[in-house]
Amino acid sequence: MLQYARDDGRLAQCYLETMQKTLIILGLVLLAAGLLWPVIAKLGLGRLPGDIIIRRDGFSFYFPLTTMIIVSIVLTLIFRFWGK
């Protein structure tokens, strides 16, 4: 943090602007996912083979392993092509 203080705050200001942009984009992505959830649910995401579902009396546990892997691959490809 001492490097930021010696830099007259320019580096800290750049960091704050980057953080603000990142949080705004993350918020917009979450908003879009929430609004598009009915469409996403019709695609079958969340109920794929490999997703772990444990149901007991008064308890259920759901871990969407396959769905998370597919979403991760798609997002990786999007960011890799978008970044170039």
C-alpha atoms as a PDB file:
ATOM      1  CA  MET A   1       0.000   0.000   0.000  1.00  0.00           C
ATOM      2  CA  LEU A   2       2.954   2.360   0.457  1.00  0.00           C
ATOM      3  CA  GLN A   3       3.559   2.319  -3.304  1.00  0.00           C
ATOM      4  CA  TYR A   4       0.060   3.714  -3.833  1.00  0.00           C
ATOM      5  CA  ALA A   5       0.680   6.553  -1.378  1.00  0.00           C
ATOM      6  CA  ARG A   6       3.880   7.620  -3.182  1.00  0.00           C
ATOM      7  CA  ASP A   7       2.078   7.649  -6.527  1.00  0.00           C
ATOM      8  CA  ASP A   8      -0.154  10.628  -5.629  1.00  0.00           C
ATOM      9  CA  GLY A   9      -3.163   8.296  -5.678  1.00  0.00           C
ATOM     10  CA  ARG A  10      -3.127   7.731  -9.456  1.00  0.00           C
ATOM     11  CA  LEU A  11      -2.608   4.006  -9.123  1.00  0.00           C
ATOM     12  CA  ALA A  12      -5.238   3.737  -6.398  1.00  0.00           C
ATOM     13  CA  GLN A  13      -7.684   5.707  -8.565  1.00  0.00           C
ATOM     14  CA  CYS A  14      -7.068   3.354 -11.496  1.00  0.00           C
ATOM     15  CA  TYR A  15      -7.685   0.392  -9.206  1.00  0.00           C
ATOM     16  CA  LEU A  16     -10.961   1.896  -7.959  1.00  0.00           C
ATOM     17  CA  GLU A  17     -12.177   2.603 -11.500  1.00  0.00           C
ATOM     18  CA  THR A  18     -11.369  -0.949 -12.566  1.00  0.00           C
ATOM     19  CA  MET A  19     -13.161  -2.364  -9.520  1.00  0.00           C
ATOM     20  CA  GLN A  20     -16.218  -0.198 -10.198  1.00  0.00           C
ATOM     21  CA  LYS A  21     -16.422  -1.374 -13.806  1.00  0.00           C
ATOM     22  CA  THR A  22     -15.981  -4.999 -12.754  1.00  0.00           C
ATOM     23  CA  LEU A  23     -18.764  -4.789 -10.165  1.00  0.00           C
ATOM     24  CA  ILE A  24     -21.131  -3.087 -12.622  1.00  0.00           C
ATOM     25  CA  ILE A  25     -20.495  -5.752 -15.270  1.00  0.00           C
ATOM     26  CA  LEU A  26     -20.923  -8.538 -12.712  1.00  0.00           C
ATOM     27  CA  GLY A  27     -24.200  -6.992 -11.579  1.00  0.00           C
ATOM     28  CA  LEU A  28     -25.460  -6.768 -15.165  1.00  0.00           C
ATOM     29  CA  VAL A  29     -24.515 -10.388 -15.820  1.00  0.00           C
ATOM     30  CA  LEU A  30     -26.381 -11.522 -12.697  1.00  0.00           C
ATOM     31  CA  LEU A  31     -29.394  -9.395 -13.680  1.00  0.00           C
ATOM     32  CA  ALA A  32     -29.419 -10.893 -17.182  1.00  0.00           C
ATOM     33  CA  ALA A  33     -29.137 -14.424 -15.782  1.00  0.00           C
ATOM     34  CA  GLY A  34     -32.031 -13.746 -13.438  1.00  0.00           C
ATOM     35  CA  LEU A  35     -34.223 -12.336 -16.192  1.00  0.00           C
ATOM     36  CA  LEU A  36     -33.362 -15.128 -18.608  1.00  0.00           C
ATOM     37  CA  TRP A  37     -33.720 -17.915 -16.036  1.00  0.00           C
ATOM     38  CA  PRO A  38     -37.027 -19.246 -17.482  1.00  0.00           C
ATOM     39  CA  VAL A  39     -35.335 -19.621 -20.872  1.00  0.00           C
ATOM     40  CA  ILE A  40     -32.229 -21.171 -19.322  1.00  0.00           C
ATOM     41  CA  ALA A  41     -34.359 -23.665 -17.374  1.00  0.00           C
ATOM     42  CA  LYS A  42     -36.037 -24.825 -20.608  1.00  0.00           C
ATOM     43  CA  LEU A  43     -32.601 -25.680 -22.039  1.00  0.00           C
ATOM     44  CA  GLY A  44     -32.235 -28.368 -19.398  1.00  0.00           C
ATOM     45  CA  LEU A  45     -29.328 -26.810 -17.549  1.00  0.00           C
ATOM     46  CA  GLY A  46     -29.404 -27.912 -13.947  1.00  0.00           C
ATOM     47  CA  ARG A  47     -30.872 -31.333 -14.644  1.00  0.00           C
ATOM     48  CA  LEU A  48     -28.097 -32.965 -16.625  1.00  0.00           C
ATOM     49  CA  PRO A  49     -26.695 -36.443 -16.083  1.00  0.00           C
ATOM     50  CA  GLY A  50     -23.851 -36.087 -13.616  1.00  0.00           C
ATOM     51  CA  ASP A  51     -25.592 -33.478 -11.482  1.00  0.00           C
ATOM     52  CA  ILE A  52     -25.746 -34.802  -7.927  1.00  0.00           C
ATOM     53  CA  ILE A  53     -29.147 -34.901  -6.234  1.00  0.00           C
ATOM     54  CA  ILE A  54     -29.668 -36.458  -2.794  1.00  0.00           C
ATOM     55  CA  ARG A  55     -33.197 -36.550  -1.408  1.00  0.00           C
ATOM     56  CA  ARG A  56     -34.058 -37.746   2.094  1.00  0.00           C
ATOM     57  CA  ASP A  57     -36.995 -37.144   4.386  1.00  0.00           C
ATOM     58  CA  GLY A  58     -37.057 -33.414   5.091  1.00  0.00           C
ATOM     59  CA  PHE A  59     -33.729 -32.853   3.318  1.00  0.00           C
ATOM     60  CA  SER A  60     -32.527 -32.436  -0.215  1.00  0.00           C
ATOM     61  CA  PHE A  61     -29.055 -31.658  -1.528  1.00  0.00           C
ATOM     62  CA  TYR A  62     -28.370 -30.559  -5.082  1.00  0.00           C
ATOM     63  CA  PHE A  63     -24.905 -30.109  -6.599  1.00  0.00           C
ATOM     64  CA  PRO A  64     -24.953 -29.300 -10.349  1.00  0.00           C
ATOM     65  CA  LEU A  65     -21.510 -30.708 -11.190  1.00  0.00           C
ATOM     66  CA  THR A  66     -22.023 -31.292 -14.923  1.00  0.00           C
ATOM     67  CA  THR A  67     -23.864 -28.016 -15.365  1.00  0.00           C
ATOM     68  CA  MET A  68     -21.019 -26.110 -13.693  1.00  0.00           C
ATOM     69  CA  ILE A  69     -18.441 -27.780 -15.947  1.00  0.00           C
ATOM     70  CA  ILE A  70     -20.401 -26.912 -19.102  1.00  0.00           C
ATOM     71  CA  VAL A  71     -20.976 -23.315 -17.992  1.00  0.00           C
ATOM     72  CA  SER A  72     -17.280 -23.004 -17.129  1.00  0.00           C
ATOM     73  CA  ILE A  73     -16.205 -24.266 -20.559  1.00  0.00           C
ATOM     74  CA  VAL A  74     -18.625 -21.936 -22.365  1.00  0.00           C
ATOM     75  CA  LEU A  75     -17.537 -18.907 -20.323  1.00  0.00           C
ATOM     76  CA  THR A  76     -13.867 -19.772 -20.841  1.00  0.00           C
ATOM     77  CA  LEU A  77     -14.360 -19.896 -24.607  1.00  0.00           C
ATOM     78  CA  ILE A  78     -16.332 -16.644 -24.627  1.00  0.00           C
ATOM     79  CA  PHE A  79     -13.727 -14.757 -22.575  1.00  0.00           C
ATOM     80  CA  ARG A  80     -10.846 -16.240 -24.534  1.00  0.00           C
ATOM     81  CA  PHE A  81     -12.284 -15.156 -27.897  1.00  0.00           C
ATOM     82  CA  TRP A  82     -13.621 -11.851 -26.541  1.00  0.00           C
ATOM     83  CA  GLY A  83     -10.264 -10.925 -25.037  1.00  0.00           C
ATOM     84  CA  LYS A  84      -8.372 -11.210 -28.326  1.00  0.00           C
END
